Protein backbone atom coordinates (compact mmCIF):
# COMPACT_ATOMS: atom_id res chain seq x y z
CA MET A 1 0.00 0.00 0.00
CA VAL A 2 1.44 3.39 -0.95
CA LEU A 3 0.20 6.32 1.11
CA PHE A 4 3.06 8.68 0.35
CA LYS A 5 4.71 9.46 -2.98
CA SER A 6 7.25 11.80 -1.47
CA CYS A 7 8.57 12.37 2.01
CA PRO A 8 6.57 14.90 4.06
CA LYS A 9 9.81 16.03 5.75
CA CYS A 10 12.37 16.40 2.93
CA GLY A 11 10.26 16.08 -0.22
CA GLU A 12 12.34 13.28 -1.78
CA GLU A 13 10.58 10.39 -3.53
CA ARG A 14 12.46 7.72 -1.58
CA ILE A 15 9.69 6.29 0.61
CA THR A 16 9.79 2.59 1.49
CA PHE A 17 7.04 0.50 3.07
CA ASP A 18 7.73 -2.63 5.11
CA GLY A 19 4.50 -4.28 3.94
CA ILE A 20 2.93 -4.16 7.39
CA LYS A 21 2.82 -0.70 8.96
CA LYS A 22 6.11 1.23 8.68
CA TYR A 23 6.89 3.92 6.08
CA SER A 24 10.43 5.32 5.96
CA CYS A 25 12.38 7.87 3.94
CA GLU A 26 15.74 6.57 2.75
CA ASN A 27 16.97 10.16 2.38
CA CYS A 28 16.26 11.80 5.77
CA ASP A 29 15.27 8.87 8.01
CA TRP A 30 11.67 10.16 8.51
CA THR A 31 9.39 7.35 9.80
CA PHE A 32 5.62 6.95 9.91
CA PHE A 33 3.78 4.04 11.55
CA GLN A 34 0.25 3.24 10.41
CA ASN A 35 -0.85 1.49 13.59
CA THR A 36 -4.06 -0.40 14.18
CA ALA A 37 -7.05 1.84 14.95
CA ALA A 38 -9.16 1.03 18.01
CA ALA A 39 -12.91 0.72 17.52
CA VAL A 40 -15.83 -0.23 19.78
CA ALA A 41 -19.21 -1.84 19.23
CA GLY A 42 -22.12 -2.37 21.60
CA ILE A 43 -24.21 -5.51 21.58
CA ILE A 44 -27.13 -3.83 23.30
CA THR A 45 -30.14 -5.64 24.70
CA PHE A 46 -33.65 -4.28 25.21
CA GLN A 47 -36.48 -6.50 26.48
CA ASP A 48 -34.73 -9.77 25.49
CA LYS A 49 -33.93 -8.46 22.00
CA VAL A 50 -30.60 -7.39 20.53
CA LEU A 51 -30.32 -3.97 18.93
CA ALA A 52 -28.64 -3.81 15.53
CA VAL A 53 -28.47 -0.92 13.09
CA ARG A 54 -28.61 -0.90 9.31
CA ARG A 55 -25.65 1.01 7.85
CA ASN A 56 -26.45 4.07 5.77
CA ARG A 57 -22.96 4.45 4.29
CA ASP A 58 -20.12 2.38 2.95
CA PRO A 59 -18.39 0.25 3.81
CA GLY A 60 -21.26 -2.19 4.17
CA LYS A 61 -24.12 0.16 3.28
CA GLY A 62 -27.42 -1.66 3.79
CA LEU A 63 -25.94 -4.38 6.01
CA LEU A 64 -26.37 -4.74 9.74
CA ASP A 65 -23.91 -3.49 12.33
CA PHE A 66 -23.75 -2.99 16.05
CA PRO A 67 -23.66 0.68 17.05
CA GLY A 68 -20.20 2.02 17.79
CA GLY A 69 -17.21 3.53 16.04
CA PHE A 70 -13.62 4.62 16.33
CA VAL A 71 -11.95 5.56 19.59
CA ASP A 72 -10.81 9.19 19.70
CA PRO A 73 -7.43 10.29 21.11
CA ASN A 74 -7.37 10.50 24.92
CA GLU A 75 -10.53 8.42 25.19
CA SER A 76 -11.02 5.02 26.85
CA LEU A 77 -12.89 2.22 25.09
CA GLU A 78 -15.82 2.69 27.46
CA GLN A 79 -15.91 6.46 26.91
CA ALA A 80 -15.88 5.88 23.15
CA LEU A 81 -18.80 3.46 23.39
CA TYR A 82 -20.89 5.88 25.47
CA ARG A 83 -20.08 8.73 23.06
CA GLU A 84 -20.78 6.72 19.91
CA ILE A 85 -24.13 5.41 21.20
CA ASN A 86 -25.11 8.95 22.14
CA GLU A 87 -24.05 10.33 18.75
CA GLU A 88 -25.69 7.59 16.68
CA LEU A 89 -28.88 6.94 18.66
CA ARG A 90 -29.15 9.86 21.11
CA ALA A 91 -29.48 7.19 23.79
CA GLU A 92 -27.87 6.27 27.08
CA ILE A 93 -26.64 2.75 27.80
CA ASN A 94 -25.98 1.06 31.13
CA ASN A 95 -24.43 -2.10 32.55
CA ILE A 96 -21.65 -2.22 29.98
CA THR A 97 -19.36 -5.23 30.15
CA TYR A 98 -16.36 -6.06 28.00
CA LEU A 99 -17.03 -9.11 25.81
CA CYS A 100 -14.16 -9.69 23.34
CA SER A 101 -12.06 -8.14 20.59
CA SER A 102 -11.27 -9.07 17.01
CA PRO A 103 -9.00 -7.74 14.26
CA ASN A 104 -10.75 -6.22 11.27
CA THR A 105 -10.22 -3.97 8.27
CA TYR A 106 -12.11 -0.81 7.34
CA LYS A 107 -11.83 0.64 3.85
CA TYR A 108 -12.33 4.41 3.70
CA LYS A 109 -11.66 6.64 0.68
CA GLY A 110 -9.45 4.02 -0.95
CA ILE A 111 -7.33 3.28 2.11
CA THR A 112 -7.73 0.02 4.02
CA TYR A 113 -7.20 0.57 7.72
CA SER A 114 -6.41 -2.21 10.18
CA THR A 115 -8.64 -2.05 13.24
CA CYS A 116 -9.06 -3.89 16.49
CA ASP A 117 -12.78 -3.97 17.27
CA SER A 118 -13.70 -4.29 20.96
CA PHE A 119 -17.17 -5.60 21.74
CA PHE A 120 -19.16 -4.76 24.84
CA THR A 121 -22.57 -5.83 26.03
CA ALA A 122 -24.88 -3.16 27.37
CA GLU A 123 -28.52 -2.53 28.13
CA ILE A 124 -30.85 0.24 27.12
CA ASP A 125 -34.00 1.28 28.98
CA ASN A 126 -36.19 2.44 26.10
CA ASP A 127 -36.50 2.30 22.33
CA ASN A 128 -36.96 6.02 21.67
CA PHE A 129 -34.10 6.91 19.36
CA GLU A 130 -33.08 9.95 17.38
CA LEU A 131 -30.96 8.38 14.64
CA GLU A 132 -27.88 9.91 13.08
CA LYS A 133 -29.29 9.44 9.56
CA SER A 134 -25.97 9.98 7.80
CA GLU A 135 -24.73 6.78 9.44
CA ILE A 136 -27.81 4.73 10.37
CA ALA A 137 -30.75 3.88 8.12
CA GLU A 138 -32.78 2.09 10.80
CA VAL A 139 -32.71 0.26 14.11
CA VAL A 140 -33.52 -3.45 13.98
CA PHE A 141 -34.34 -5.61 17.00
CA LEU A 142 -33.35 -9.26 16.66
CA ASP A 143 -34.00 -12.33 18.78
CA LYS A 144 -30.79 -13.50 20.43
CA ASN A 145 -31.04 -16.75 18.47
CA GLU A 146 -31.41 -14.91 15.14
CA LEU A 147 -28.03 -13.19 15.10
CA ASN A 148 -26.77 -14.23 11.66
CA PRO A 149 -23.17 -13.02 11.11
CA ASP A 150 -23.70 -13.17 7.31
CA LEU A 151 -26.11 -10.22 7.59
CA PHE A 152 -23.50 -8.02 9.28
CA ALA A 153 -21.10 -5.67 7.50
CA PHE A 154 -17.80 -6.70 9.07
CA LYS A 155 -16.00 -10.00 9.64
CA SER A 156 -15.17 -8.99 13.22
CA MET A 157 -18.90 -9.15 14.00
CA ARG A 158 -18.61 -12.94 13.83
CA ALA A 159 -16.34 -12.93 16.88
CA GLY A 160 -18.66 -10.56 18.74
CA ILE A 161 -21.74 -12.64 17.95
CA GLU A 162 -19.98 -15.89 18.87
CA ALA A 163 -18.81 -14.50 22.23
CA PHE A 164 -22.29 -13.10 22.91
CA ARG A 165 -23.90 -16.49 22.20
CA LYS A 166 -21.47 -18.25 24.57
CA ASN A 167 -22.14 -15.79 27.40
CA PHE A 168 -25.83 -15.01 27.03
């Protein structure tokens, strides 16, 4: 993957990529690491149902997802989950518990990012939502036994669903 044609520090076109995450300039010794991005997702229950959302944008537009998103700088995983649920659903969650994590990829504007998706379980007290329509087309409530990973946008969802089934 080539992110840089020339070095941001010296301007020379002598960038090398190690094939994993490290970009280096052979001229001035500038280095850039494209590290894994942290992301969170909430497997949220309401009255014995699991809340899923239908994506309103790519990647995975039209497929199911669990609400969540990327972790911002200086933010814990739990803080990110609370913030993302509030931004996407205008809702408050409670009783959050870490469930599992799984590596994933997320393609955005032609760049494939490596992510580590952390899954949490949580509960919600009501189903009155104010959706962030740019991201979410609709909220879908599923029976716990009907969680089909093939209907979800990302491969990491398989790990989240599997861990949820084992624990609940």
